[in-house]
Amino acid sequence: MRSFDYVRVHTPEEAVEAFAARPGAHYLAGGTNLVDLMKLGVEQPTALIDVSRLPLDRLEQLPDGALRIGASVRNSDLAAHPLVRDRYPVLSQALLAGASGQLRNVATTGGNLLQRTRCGYFQDPGKPCNKREPGSGCGALDGVHRDHAVLGHSPHCIATNPSDMAVALAALDARVELYGPEGARTLDLTDFHRLPEDHPERDTELRPGELITGVLLPAATAGAPSAYRKARDRASYAFALASVAVVLRVAGELVTQVGLAFGGLAHRPWRARVAEAALLGEAATPAVFASAVDLELAAARPLPDNAYKVPLARNLALDVLARLAPAAVPL
């Protein structure tokens, strides 16, 4: 057994102070990922700062029509909330596609964004992993990599981000609210997670001691037709082999608004900017959809055992786009 301190805090200010006073500390909310990693010996915090009692468990509609989601809102409550189901259905669908009902009842919005990869080499301290131990190598490169990245990976890491929720948030133009020693700041969700490059040990752009306090869903994507689809090895609880989140508006048969993001393909939710640029202002037809998605996936660099992910992601995206197009009219 490894001993560690436990501190319960009640405000973001207390949390940041407690973290700063304990080098090697970790924040703890639902613990559905962190506690597992502690049991495996991957994470060895000196202290756990319990932030589950912070007053961040509310959903609030803002005057401009945006929706603020507190970092402590449980995944099950978020998926079932009427405002989310009605105005941002892609988010509800993504949450319900992730984890089990029991885990959703415990997992939080902030914790979901911070969950770490499920790469077997990362989760096994006996195997090389640059994410867990920088400089030790990437065991998956020449090992088992069927589930690994085909976009944005580097020679140092080919792991994928496991979050379903984050893929939907990327397509919705969500922003992440943070609080830390330097005060409050906000980041676009698409800038919050990192690609591995030379520092795969850094999953996000969080600064030392920073805490997620909330997520903002903009009014601009509220009410737009949207959907999430995920392919996995079994119909029950399993991580995505590939997934897609789409937000689409069509007026006069032309695409007037689009948000497209892939999951299961990269170290972070992959916002398909190339495909979006090719779709905006064009006719909402199968040929246009196919051309745009192919342009995006042309950047894929699959490994020997995961090349199947490229056509899988393509077919998922084309299916969702086609299903949304007939209903994708402006409010």
C-alpha atoms as a PDB file:
ATOM      1  CA  MET A   1       0.000   0.000   0.000  1.00  0.00           C
ATOM      2  CA  ARG A   2       1.169   3.520  -0.798  1.00  0.00           C
ATOM      3  CA  SER A   3       0.041   6.149   1.662  1.00  0.00           C
ATOM      4  CA  PHE A   4      -1.252   9.551   0.605  1.00  0.00           C
ATOM      5  CA  ASP A   5      -2.911  12.535   2.234  1.00  0.00           C
ATOM      6  CA  TYR A   6      -6.573  13.325   1.721  1.00  0.00           C
ATOM      7  CA  VAL A   7      -7.954  16.877   1.809  1.00  0.00           C
ATOM      8  CA  ARG A   8     -11.578  17.905   1.235  1.00  0.00           C
ATOM      9  CA  VAL A   9     -12.114  21.430  -0.076  1.00  0.00           C
ATOM     10  CA  HIS A  10     -15.230  23.510  -0.651  1.00  0.00           C
ATOM     11  CA  THR A  11     -14.201  26.336  -2.999  1.00  0.00           C
ATOM     12  CA  PRO A  12     -11.923  26.578  -6.067  1.00  0.00           C
ATOM     13  CA  GLU A  13      -9.660  28.914  -4.074  1.00  0.00           C
ATOM     14  CA  GLU A  14      -9.260  26.333  -1.309  1.00  0.00           C
ATOM     15  CA  ALA A  15      -8.545  23.665  -3.904  1.00  0.00           C
ATOM     16  CA  VAL A  16      -5.756  25.636  -5.557  1.00  0.00           C
ATOM     17  CA  GLU A  17      -4.200  26.511  -2.190  1.00  0.00           C
ATOM     18  CA  ALA A  18      -4.310  22.895  -1.002  1.00  0.00           C
ATOM     19  CA  PHE A  19      -2.769  21.698  -4.270  1.00  0.00           C
ATOM     20  CA  ALA A  20       0.072  24.220  -4.087  1.00  0.00           C
ATOM     21  CA  ALA A  21       0.887  23.185  -0.504  1.00  0.00           C
ATOM     22  CA  ARG A  22       1.279  19.506  -1.438  1.00  0.00           C
ATOM     23  CA  PRO A  23       3.751  18.738  -4.248  1.00  0.00           C
ATOM     24  CA  GLY A  24       2.650  15.654  -6.138  1.00  0.00           C
ATOM     25  CA  ALA A  25      -1.040  16.126  -5.339  1.00  0.00           C
ATOM     26  CA  HIS A  26      -3.924  15.244  -7.666  1.00  0.00           C
ATOM     27  CA  TYR A  27      -7.454  16.570  -7.774  1.00  0.00           C
ATOM     28  CA  LEU A  28     -10.147  13.948  -7.122  1.00  0.00           C
ATOM     29  CA  ALA A  29     -13.793  14.195  -8.252  1.00  0.00           C
ATOM     30  CA  GLY A  30     -15.621  10.995  -9.265  1.00  0.00           C
ATOM     31  CA  GLY A  31     -12.366   9.028  -9.364  1.00  0.00           C
ATOM     32  CA  THR A  32     -13.561   6.629 -12.060  1.00  0.00           C
ATOM     33  CA  ASN A  33     -10.247   6.902 -13.926  1.00  0.00           C
ATOM     34  CA  LEU A  34      -7.776   8.183 -11.336  1.00  0.00           C
ATOM     35  CA  VAL A  35      -8.502   5.502  -8.742  1.00  0.00           C
ATOM     36  CA  ASP A  36      -8.074   2.758 -11.351  1.00  0.00           C
ATOM     37  CA  LEU A  37      -4.689   4.193 -12.336  1.00  0.00           C
ATOM     38  CA  MET A  38      -3.656   4.365  -8.685  1.00  0.00           C
ATOM     39  CA  LYS A  39      -4.521   0.672  -8.269  1.00  0.00           C
ATOM     40  CA  LEU A  40      -2.371  -0.144 -11.309  1.00  0.00           C
ATOM     41  CA  GLY A  41       0.548   1.904  -9.972  1.00  0.00           C
ATOM     42  CA  VAL A  42       0.439   4.264 -12.959  1.00  0.00           C
ATOM     43  CA  GLU A  43      -0.536   7.252 -10.804  1.00  0.00           C
ATOM     44  CA  GLN A  44       1.088   7.668  -7.378  1.00  0.00           C
ATOM     45  CA  PRO A  45      -0.190  10.932  -5.891  1.00  0.00           C
ATOM     46  CA  THR A  46       1.172  12.179  -2.590  1.00  0.00           C
ATOM     47  CA  ALA A  47      -2.209  13.701  -1.801  1.00  0.00           C
ATOM     48  CA  LEU A  48      -5.757  13.697  -3.129  1.00  0.00           C
ATOM     49  CA  ILE A  49      -7.557  17.041  -3.115  1.00  0.00           C
ATOM     50  CA  ASP A  50     -11.267  16.122  -3.060  1.00  0.00           C
ATOM     51  CA  VAL A  51     -13.104  18.694  -5.217  1.00  0.00           C
ATOM     52  CA  SER A  52     -16.414  16.808  -5.337  1.00  0.00           C
ATOM     53  CA  ARG A  53     -18.014  19.233  -2.833  1.00  0.00           C
ATOM     54  CA  LEU A  54     -17.229  22.352  -4.860  1.00  0.00           C
ATOM     55  CA  PRO A  55     -20.357  24.328  -5.884  1.00  0.00           C
ATOM     56  CA  LEU A  56     -19.932  23.326  -9.534  1.00  0.00           C
ATOM     57  CA  ASP A  57     -22.786  20.843  -9.929  1.00  0.00           C
ATOM     58  CA  ARG A  58     -25.310  23.031 -11.772  1.00  0.00           C
ATOM     59  CA  LEU A  59     -26.382  23.622 -15.364  1.00  0.00           C
ATOM     60  CA  GLU A  60     -27.186  27.258 -16.048  1.00  0.00           C
ATOM     61  CA  GLN A  61     -28.700  28.874 -19.128  1.00  0.00           C
ATOM     62  CA  LEU A  62     -27.041  32.246 -19.711  1.00  0.00           C
ATOM     63  CA  PRO A  63     -28.800  35.399 -20.950  1.00  0.00           C
ATOM     64  CA  ASP A  64     -27.232  35.079 -24.413  1.00  0.00           C
ATOM     65  CA  GLY A  65     -28.658  31.554 -24.818  1.00  0.00           C
ATOM     66  CA  ALA A  66     -25.435  29.714 -24.003  1.00  0.00           C
ATOM     67  CA  LEU A  67     -25.384  26.859 -21.483  1.00  0.00           C
ATOM     68  CA  ARG A  68     -22.847  26.619 -18.666  1.00  0.00           C
ATOM     69  CA  ILE A  69     -22.155  23.121 -17.321  1.00  0.00           C
ATOM     70  CA  GLY A  70     -20.461  22.919 -13.937  1.00  0.00           C
ATOM     71  CA  ALA A  71     -17.401  20.697 -13.749  1.00  0.00           C
ATOM     72  CA  SER A  72     -19.026  18.541 -11.034  1.00  0.00           C
ATOM     73  CA  VAL A  73     -22.181  17.758 -13.019  1.00  0.00           C
ATOM     74  CA  ARG A  74     -22.470  13.980 -13.285  1.00  0.00           C
ATOM     75  CA  ASN A  75     -22.446  12.446 -16.750  1.00  0.00           C
ATOM     76  CA  SER A  76     -25.813  10.774 -16.189  1.00  0.00           C
ATOM     77  CA  ASP A  77     -27.450  14.050 -15.109  1.00  0.00           C
ATOM     78  CA  LEU A  78     -25.940  15.904 -18.060  1.00  0.00           C
ATOM     79  CA  ALA A  79     -27.140  13.329 -20.582  1.00  0.00           C
ATOM     80  CA  ALA A  80     -30.674  13.405 -19.186  1.00  0.00           C
ATOM     81  CA  HIS A  81     -31.062  17.173 -18.778  1.00  0.00           C
ATOM     82  CA  PRO A  82     -33.931  18.527 -20.929  1.00  0.00           C
ATOM     83  CA  LEU A  83     -31.900  21.490 -22.218  1.00  0.00           C
ATOM     84  CA  VAL A  84     -29.100  19.196 -23.353  1.00  0.00           C
ATOM     85  CA  ARG A  85     -31.400  16.628 -24.957  1.00  0.00           C
ATOM     86  CA  ASP A  86     -33.399  19.330 -26.754  1.00  0.00           C
ATOM     87  CA  ARG A  87     -30.713  21.832 -27.781  1.00  0.00           C
ATOM     88  CA  TYR A  88     -27.506  19.747 -27.916  1.00  0.00           C
ATOM     89  CA  PRO A  89     -28.617  16.160 -28.679  1.00  0.00           C
ATOM     90  CA  VAL A  90     -25.164  15.162 -29.921  1.00  0.00           C
ATOM     91  CA  LEU A  91     -23.822  15.655 -26.383  1.00  0.00           C
ATOM     92  CA  SER A  92     -26.520  13.534 -24.765  1.00  0.00           C
ATOM     93  CA  GLN A  93     -25.975  10.776 -27.334  1.00  0.00           C
ATOM     94  CA  ALA A  94     -22.203  10.814 -26.813  1.00  0.00           C
ATOM     95  CA  LEU A  95     -22.542  10.561 -23.039  1.00  0.00           C
ATOM     96  CA  LEU A  96     -24.966   7.660 -23.277  1.00  0.00           C
ATOM     97  CA  ALA A  97     -22.571   5.871 -25.654  1.00  0.00           C
ATOM     98  CA  GLY A  98     -19.753   6.101 -23.109  1.00  0.00           C
ATOM     99  CA  ALA A  99     -19.186   3.947 -20.029  1.00  0.00           C
ATOM    100  CA  SER A 100     -21.875   2.085 -18.105  1.00  0.00           C
ATOM    101  CA  GLY A 101     -24.857   3.517 -16.261  1.00  0.00           C
ATOM    102  CA  GLN A 102     -23.096   2.993 -12.928  1.00  0.00           C
ATOM    103  CA  LEU A 103     -19.991   4.868 -14.085  1.00  0.00           C
ATOM    104  CA  ARG A 104     -22.046   7.708 -15.574  1.00  0.00           C
ATOM    105  CA  ASN A 105     -23.693   8.158 -12.188  1.00  0.00           C
ATOM    106  CA  VAL A 106     -20.292   8.911 -10.647  1.00  0.00           C
ATOM    107  CA  ALA A 107     -18.168  10.411 -13.437  1.00  0.00           C
ATOM    108  CA  THR A 108     -18.100  14.206 -13.698  1.00  0.00           C
ATOM    109  CA  THR A 109     -17.881  16.639 -16.598  1.00  0.00           C
ATOM    110  CA  GLY A 110     -14.411  17.822 -15.594  1.00  0.00           C
ATOM    111  CA  GLY A 111     -13.148  14.329 -14.929  1.00  0.00           C
ATOM    112  CA  ASN A 112     -14.421  13.090 -18.276  1.00  0.00           C
ATOM    113  CA  LEU A 113     -12.279  15.695 -20.037  1.00  0.00           C
ATOM    114  CA  LEU A 114      -9.229  14.658 -18.012  1.00  0.00           C
ATOM    115  CA  GLN A 115      -9.462  10.877 -18.356  1.00  0.00           C
ATOM    116  CA  ARG A 116      -6.290   9.321 -19.651  1.00  0.00           C
ATOM    117  CA  THR A 117      -5.740   6.944 -22.535  1.00  0.00           C
ATOM    118  CA  ARG A 118      -6.660   3.273 -22.243  1.00  0.00           C
ATOM    119  CA  CYS A 119      -3.517   2.169 -24.100  1.00  0.00           C
ATOM    120  CA  GLY A 120      -2.374  -1.130 -22.570  1.00  0.00           C
ATOM    121  CA  TYR A 121       1.262  -0.019 -22.586  1.00  0.00           C
ATOM    122  CA  PHE A 122       0.397   3.113 -20.607  1.00  0.00           C
ATOM    123  CA  GLN A 123      -1.597   1.124 -18.071  1.00  0.00           C
ATOM    124  CA  ASP A 124       1.147  -1.454 -17.461  1.00  0.00           C
ATOM    125  CA  PRO A 125       4.151  -0.061 -15.516  1.00  0.00           C
ATOM    126  CA  GLY A 126       6.190  -3.038 -16.699  1.00  0.00           C
ATOM    127  CA  LYS A 127       6.051  -1.931 -20.339  1.00  0.00           C
ATOM    128  CA  PRO A 128       7.694   1.010 -22.122  1.00  0.00           C
ATOM    129  CA  CYS A 129       5.532   4.125 -22.484  1.00  0.00           C
ATOM    130  CA  ASN A 130       6.686   7.674 -23.165  1.00  0.00           C
ATOM    131  CA  LYS A 131       3.420   9.013 -21.776  1.00  0.00           C
ATOM    132  CA  ARG A 132       3.934   7.333 -18.416  1.00  0.00           C
ATOM    133  CA  GLU A 133       7.753   7.512 -18.378  1.00  0.00           C
ATOM    134  CA  PRO A 134       9.199   9.981 -20.917  1.00  0.00           C
ATOM    135  CA  GLY A 135      12.156   8.552 -22.794  1.00  0.00           C
ATOM    136  CA  SER A 136      11.281   4.895 -22.199  1.00  0.00           C
ATOM    137  CA  GLY A 137       9.883   4.382 -25.716  1.00  0.00           C
ATOM    138  CA  CYS A 138       6.473   3.595 -27.184  1.00  0.00           C
ATOM    139  CA  GLY A 139       5.734  -0.100 -26.877  1.00  0.00           C
ATOM    140  CA  ALA A 140       2.654   0.142 -29.071  1.00  0.00           C
ATOM    141  CA  LEU A 141       4.559   1.282 -32.166  1.00  0.00           C
ATOM    142  CA  ASP A 142       5.986  -2.171 -32.806  1.00  0.00           C
ATOM    143  CA  GLY A 143       3.510  -3.980 -30.587  1.00  0.00           C
ATOM    144  CA  VAL A 144      -0.270  -4.201 -30.343  1.00  0.00           C
ATOM    145  CA  HIS A 145      -1.733  -1.057 -31.908  1.00  0.00           C
ATOM    146  CA  ARG A 146      -5.089  -2.102 -33.371  1.00  0.00           C
ATOM    147  CA  ASP A 147      -6.921   0.506 -31.271  1.00  0.00           C
ATOM    148  CA  HIS A 148      -4.395   3.307 -31.686  1.00  0.00           C
ATOM    149  CA  ALA A 149      -4.152   6.624 -33.520  1.00  0.00           C
ATOM    150  CA  VAL A 150      -4.155   7.173 -37.272  1.00  0.00           C
ATOM    151  CA  LEU A 151      -4.150  10.992 -37.154  1.00  0.00           C
ATOM    152  CA  GLY A 152      -1.794  13.432 -35.435  1.00  0.00           C
ATOM    153  CA  HIS A 153       0.424  10.829 -33.789  1.00  0.00           C
ATOM    154  CA  SER A 154       4.190  11.051 -33.377  1.00  0.00           C
ATOM    155  CA  PRO A 155       7.114   8.606 -33.074  1.00  0.00           C
ATOM    156  CA  HIS A 156       6.823   9.132 -29.315  1.00  0.00           C
ATOM    157  CA  CYS A 157       3.161   8.180 -28.839  1.00  0.00           C
ATOM    158  CA  ILE A 158       0.262   6.704 -30.817  1.00  0.00           C
ATOM    159  CA  ALA A 159      -2.309   6.629 -28.007  1.00  0.00           C
ATOM    160  CA  THR A 160      -5.885   7.856 -28.455  1.00  0.00           C
ATOM    161  CA  ASN A 161      -8.128  10.020 -26.309  1.00  0.00           C
ATOM    162  CA  PRO A 162     -10.913   7.812 -24.861  1.00  0.00           C
ATOM    163  CA  SER A 163     -13.629  10.431 -24.242  1.00  0.00           C
ATOM    164  CA  ASP A 164     -16.928  10.300 -26.138  1.00  0.00           C
ATOM    165  CA  MET A 165     -18.173  13.490 -24.490  1.00  0.00           C
ATOM    166  CA  ALA A 166     -15.158  15.514 -25.622  1.00  0.00           C
ATOM    167  CA  VAL A 167     -15.789  14.612 -29.275  1.00  0.00           C
ATOM    168  CA  ALA A 168     -19.303  16.044 -29.077  1.00  0.00           C
ATOM    169  CA  LEU A 169     -18.045  19.140 -27.262  1.00  0.00           C
ATOM    170  CA  ALA A 170     -15.452  19.703 -29.989  1.00  0.00           C
ATOM    171  CA  ALA A 171     -18.125  19.659 -32.697  1.00  0.00           C
ATOM    172  CA  LEU A 172     -20.264  22.062 -30.627  1.00  0.00           C
ATOM    173  CA  ASP A 173     -17.518  24.731 -30.317  1.00  0.00           C
ATOM    174  CA  ALA A 174     -17.497  24.305 -26.529  1.00  0.00           C
ATOM    175  CA  ARG A 175     -15.133  26.227 -24.281  1.00  0.00           C
ATOM    176  CA  VAL A 176     -13.498  25.043 -21.056  1.00  0.00           C
ATOM    177  CA  GLU A 177     -13.440  27.280 -17.972  1.00  0.00           C
ATOM    178  CA  LEU A 178     -10.348  26.951 -15.778  1.00  0.00           C
ATOM    179  CA  TYR A 179      -9.213  28.321 -12.418  1.00  0.00           C
ATOM    180  CA  GLY A 180      -5.681  28.193 -11.064  1.00  0.00           C
ATOM    181  CA  PRO A 181      -2.954  30.084  -9.218  1.00  0.00           C
ATOM    182  CA  GLU A 182      -3.007  32.795 -11.890  1.00  0.00           C
ATOM    183  CA  GLY A 183      -6.784  33.202 -11.770  1.00  0.00           C
ATOM    184  CA  ALA A 184      -9.519  32.264 -14.218  1.00  0.00           C
ATOM    185  CA  ARG A 185      -9.204  31.705 -17.958  1.00  0.00           C
ATOM    186  CA  THR A 186     -11.104  30.025 -20.786  1.00  0.00           C
ATOM    187  CA  LEU A 187      -9.876  27.783 -23.615  1.00  0.00           C
ATOM    188  CA  ASP A 188     -11.588  26.432 -26.708  1.00  0.00           C
ATOM    189  CA  LEU A 189     -12.203  22.724 -26.207  1.00  0.00           C
ATOM    190  CA  THR A 190     -10.250  22.055 -29.396  1.00  0.00           C
ATOM    191  CA  ASP A 191      -7.214  23.774 -27.833  1.00  0.00           C
ATOM    192  CA  PHE A 192      -7.556  22.105 -24.434  1.00  0.00           C
ATOM    193  CA  HIS A 193      -6.269  18.653 -25.421  1.00  0.00           C
ATOM    194  CA  ARG A 194      -2.835  18.263 -27.011  1.00  0.00           C
ATOM    195  CA  LEU A 195      -1.319  16.173 -29.766  1.00  0.00           C
ATOM    196  CA  PRO A 196       1.626  14.084 -28.486  1.00  0.00           C
ATOM    197  CA  GLU A 197       4.485  15.626 -30.523  1.00  0.00           C
ATOM    198  CA  ASP A 198       7.632  15.436 -28.345  1.00  0.00           C
ATOM    199  CA  HIS A 199       5.782  15.557 -25.006  1.00  0.00           C
ATOM    200  CA  PRO A 200       3.136  12.803 -24.901  1.00  0.00           C
ATOM    201  CA  GLU A 201       3.145  12.950 -21.087  1.00  0.00           C
ATOM    202  CA  ARG A 202       1.138  16.191 -21.396  1.00  0.00           C
ATOM    203  CA  ASP A 203      -2.472  15.362 -22.276  1.00  0.00           C
ATOM    204  CA  THR A 204      -3.843  18.888 -21.960  1.00  0.00           C
ATOM    205  CA  GLU A 205      -2.896  22.561 -21.761  1.00  0.00           C
ATOM    206  CA  LEU A 206      -3.704  22.681 -18.042  1.00  0.00           C
ATOM    207  CA  ARG A 207      -1.146  24.675 -16.068  1.00  0.00           C
ATOM    208  CA  PRO A 208       0.176  23.346 -12.736  1.00  0.00           C
ATOM    209  CA  GLY A 209      -2.546  23.520 -10.109  1.00  0.00           C
ATOM    210  CA  GLU A 210      -5.314  24.495 -12.527  1.00  0.00           C
ATOM    211  CA  LEU A 211      -8.787  23.085 -12.092  1.00  0.00           C
ATOM    212  CA  ILE A 212     -11.638  22.727 -14.579  1.00  0.00           C
ATOM    213  CA  THR A 213     -14.608  24.699 -13.227  1.00  0.00           C
ATOM    214  CA  GLY A 214     -17.042  24.424 -16.130  1.00  0.00           C
ATOM    215  CA  VAL A 215     -17.824  24.025 -19.806  1.00  0.00           C
ATOM    216  CA  LEU A 216     -19.626  26.593 -21.969  1.00  0.00           C
ATOM    217  CA  LEU A 217     -21.867  25.497 -24.843  1.00  0.00           C
ATOM    218  CA  PRO A 218     -22.458  28.446 -27.210  1.00  0.00           C
ATOM    219  CA  ALA A 219     -25.842  29.665 -28.349  1.00  0.00           C
ATOM    220  CA  ALA A 220     -24.645  29.446 -31.964  1.00  0.00           C
ATOM    221  CA  THR A 221     -24.839  25.644 -31.962  1.00  0.00           C
ATOM    222  CA  ALA A 222     -27.944  25.365 -29.769  1.00  0.00           C
ATOM    223  CA  GLY A 223     -30.862  23.745 -31.552  1.00  0.00           C
ATOM    224  CA  ALA A 224     -28.877  22.786 -34.642  1.00  0.00           C
ATOM    225  CA  PRO A 225     -29.460  19.230 -35.903  1.00  0.00           C
ATOM    226  CA  SER A 226     -26.696  17.091 -34.458  1.00  0.00           C
ATOM    227  CA  ALA A 227     -25.839  13.462 -33.844  1.00  0.00           C
ATOM    228  CA  TYR A 228     -23.128  11.146 -32.515  1.00  0.00           C
ATOM    229  CA  ARG A 229     -22.269   7.686 -33.778  1.00  0.00           C
ATOM    230  CA  LYS A 230     -19.707   5.257 -32.407  1.00  0.00           C
ATOM    231  CA  ALA A 231     -18.249   1.953 -33.584  1.00  0.00           C
ATOM    232  CA  ARG A 232     -16.927  -0.405 -30.918  1.00  0.00           C
ATOM    233  CA  ASP A 233     -16.111  -4.065 -30.440  1.00  0.00           C
ATOM    234  CA  ARG A 234     -19.314  -4.799 -28.527  1.00  0.00           C
ATOM    235  CA  ALA A 235     -22.643  -3.046 -28.133  1.00  0.00           C
ATOM    236  CA  SER A 236     -22.262  -2.669 -24.377  1.00  0.00           C
ATOM    237  CA  TYR A 237     -19.665  -0.571 -22.532  1.00  0.00           C
ATOM    238  CA  ALA A 238     -16.559  -0.262 -24.738  1.00  0.00           C
ATOM    239  CA  PHE A 239     -14.269   2.498 -25.991  1.00  0.00           C
ATOM    240  CA  ALA A 240     -14.571   3.751 -29.555  1.00  0.00           C
ATOM    241  CA  LEU A 241     -12.668   2.199 -32.411  1.00  0.00           C
ATOM    242  CA  ALA A 242     -13.879   5.283 -34.253  1.00  0.00           C
ATOM    243  CA  SER A 243     -16.660   7.770 -33.616  1.00  0.00           C
ATOM    244  CA  VAL A 244     -18.058  10.950 -35.145  1.00  0.00           C
ATOM    245  CA  ALA A 245     -19.982  13.968 -33.881  1.00  0.00           C
ATOM    246  CA  VAL A 246     -21.733  16.215 -36.398  1.00  0.00           C
ATOM    247  CA  VAL A 247     -23.553  19.546 -36.126  1.00  0.00           C
ATOM    248  CA  LEU A 248     -25.189  20.555 -39.412  1.00  0.00           C
ATOM    249  CA  ARG A 249     -27.462  23.314 -40.713  1.00  0.00           C
ATOM    250  CA  VAL A 250     -28.657  23.463 -44.308  1.00  0.00           C
ATOM    251  CA  ALA A 251     -30.568  26.305 -45.976  1.00  0.00           C
ATOM    252  CA  GLY A 252     -31.726  26.187 -49.584  1.00  0.00           C
ATOM    253  CA  GLU A 253     -29.843  22.870 -49.973  1.00  0.00           C
ATOM    254  CA  LEU A 254     -26.552  24.566 -49.035  1.00  0.00           C
ATOM    255  CA  VAL A 255     -24.561  23.880 -45.870  1.00  0.00           C
ATOM    256  CA  THR A 256     -24.645  27.036 -43.744  1.00  0.00           C
ATOM    257  CA  GLN A 257     -23.139  25.675 -40.512  1.00  0.00           C
ATOM    258  CA  VAL A 258     -21.085  22.583 -39.791  1.00  0.00           C
ATOM    259  CA  GLY A 259     -19.115  21.125 -36.915  1.00  0.00           C
ATOM    260  CA  LEU A 260     -17.459  17.733 -37.455  1.00  0.00           C
ATOM    261  CA  ALA A 261     -15.226  15.871 -35.023  1.00  0.00           C
ATOM    262  CA  PHE A 262     -13.824  12.338 -34.886  1.00  0.00           C
ATOM    263  CA  GLY A 263     -13.073  10.222 -31.835  1.00  0.00           C
ATOM    264  CA  GLY A 264     -10.862   7.160 -31.499  1.00  0.00           C
ATOM    265  CA  LEU A 265      -8.490   8.385 -34.217  1.00  0.00           C
ATOM    266  CA  ALA A 266      -6.069  10.701 -32.414  1.00  0.00           C
ATOM    267  CA  HIS A 267      -4.489  11.783 -29.145  1.00  0.00           C
ATOM    268  CA  ARG A 268      -7.277  14.362 -28.828  1.00  0.00           C
ATOM    269  CA  PRO A 269     -10.769  14.786 -30.285  1.00  0.00           C
ATOM    270  CA  TRP A 270     -10.050  15.453 -33.957  1.00  0.00           C
ATOM    271  CA  ARG A 271     -11.881  18.540 -35.226  1.00  0.00           C
ATOM    272  CA  ALA A 272     -12.201  18.041 -38.985  1.00  0.00           C
ATOM    273  CA  ARG A 273     -11.418  21.589 -40.120  1.00  0.00           C
ATOM    274  CA  VAL A 274     -10.461  20.559 -43.657  1.00  0.00           C
ATOM    275  CA  ALA A 275     -13.744  18.739 -44.177  1.00  0.00           C
ATOM    276  CA  GLU A 276     -15.720  21.612 -42.665  1.00  0.00           C
ATOM    277  CA  ALA A 277     -14.122  24.134 -45.022  1.00  0.00           C
ATOM    278  CA  ALA A 278     -14.973  21.892 -47.977  1.00  0.00           C
ATOM    279  CA  LEU A 279     -18.598  21.562 -46.857  1.00  0.00           C
ATOM    280  CA  LEU A 280     -19.479  25.129 -45.898  1.00  0.00           C
ATOM    281  CA  GLY A 281     -21.492  26.834 -48.629  1.00  0.00           C
ATOM    282  CA  GLU A 282     -21.684  23.685 -50.753  1.00  0.00           C
ATOM    283  CA  ALA A 283     -24.676  21.529 -51.633  1.00  0.00           C
ATOM    284  CA  ALA A 284     -25.645  18.982 -48.987  1.00  0.00           C
ATOM    285  CA  THR A 285     -25.270  15.959 -51.277  1.00  0.00           C
ATOM    286  CA  PRO A 286     -23.660  12.551 -50.784  1.00  0.00           C
ATOM    287  CA  ALA A 287     -20.950  13.383 -53.339  1.00  0.00           C
ATOM    288  CA  VAL A 288     -19.997  16.598 -51.542  1.00  0.00           C
ATOM    289  CA  PHE A 289     -20.017  14.839 -48.172  1.00  0.00           C
ATOM    290  CA  ALA A 290     -17.758  12.065 -49.479  1.00  0.00           C
ATOM    291  CA  SER A 291     -15.306  14.478 -51.073  1.00  0.00           C
ATOM    292  CA  ALA A 292     -15.026  16.571 -47.907  1.00  0.00           C
ATOM    293  CA  VAL A 293     -14.515  13.613 -45.573  1.00  0.00           C
ATOM    294  CA  ASP A 294     -11.937  12.094 -47.931  1.00  0.00           C
ATOM    295  CA  LEU A 295      -9.986  15.370 -47.901  1.00  0.00           C
ATOM    296  CA  GLU A 296      -9.859  15.237 -44.099  1.00  0.00           C
ATOM    297  CA  LEU A 297      -8.857  11.598 -43.850  1.00  0.00           C
ATOM    298  CA  ALA A 298      -6.158  11.974 -46.505  1.00  0.00           C
ATOM    299  CA  ALA A 299      -3.919  13.093 -43.617  1.00  0.00           C
ATOM    300  CA  ALA A 300      -4.262   9.716 -41.876  1.00  0.00           C
ATOM    301  CA  ARG A 301      -1.080   7.712 -41.283  1.00  0.00           C
ATOM    302  CA  PRO A 302      -2.322   4.288 -40.212  1.00  0.00           C
ATOM    303  CA  LEU A 303      -0.097   1.576 -38.819  1.00  0.00           C
ATOM    304  CA  PRO A 304      -0.181  -2.022 -40.079  1.00  0.00           C
ATOM    305  CA  ASP A 305      -2.941  -3.198 -37.729  1.00  0.00           C
ATOM    306  CA  ASN A 306      -5.228  -0.149 -37.577  1.00  0.00           C
ATOM    307  CA  ALA A 307      -5.701   0.859 -41.219  1.00  0.00           C
ATOM    308  CA  TYR A 308      -9.325  -0.318 -40.893  1.00  0.00           C
ATOM    309  CA  LYS A 309     -10.032   2.831 -38.868  1.00  0.00           C
ATOM    310  CA  VAL A 310      -9.868   5.105 -41.916  1.00  0.00           C
ATOM    311  CA  PRO A 311     -12.751   3.540 -43.906  1.00  0.00           C
ATOM    312  CA  LEU A 312     -14.633   2.940 -40.644  1.00  0.00           C
ATOM    313  CA  ALA A 313     -14.468   6.630 -39.695  1.00  0.00           C
ATOM    314  CA  ARG A 314     -15.360   7.621 -43.263  1.00  0.00           C
ATOM    315  CA  ASN A 315     -18.475   5.474 -43.300  1.00  0.00           C
ATOM    316  CA  LEU A 316     -19.579   6.690 -39.872  1.00  0.00           C
ATOM    317  CA  ALA A 317     -19.231  10.332 -40.931  1.00  0.00           C
ATOM    318  CA  LEU A 318     -21.060   9.853 -44.232  1.00  0.00           C
ATOM    319  CA  ASP A 319     -23.898   8.017 -42.502  1.00  0.00           C
ATOM    320  CA  VAL A 320     -24.411  10.757 -39.908  1.00  0.00           C
ATOM    321  CA  LEU A 321     -24.169  13.562 -42.467  1.00  0.00           C
ATOM    322  CA  ALA A 322     -26.722  11.856 -44.705  1.00  0.00           C
ATOM    323  CA  ARG A 323     -29.097  11.251 -41.801  1.00  0.00           C
ATOM    324  CA  LEU A 324     -28.892  14.870 -40.633  1.00  0.00           C
ATOM    325  CA  ALA A 325     -29.111  16.560 -44.036  1.00  0.00           C
ATOM    326  CA  PRO A 326     -32.912  16.190 -44.557  1.00  0.00           C
ATOM    327  CA  ALA A 327     -33.583  17.776 -41.144  1.00  0.00           C
ATOM    328  CA  ALA A 328     -30.730  20.281 -41.143  1.00  0.00           C
ATOM    329  CA  VAL A 329     -32.716  23.457 -41.616  1.00  0.00           C
ATOM    330  CA  PRO A 330     -32.201  26.716 -39.715  1.00  0.00           C
ATOM    331  CA  LEU A 331     -34.436  27.640 -36.789  1.00  0.00           C
END
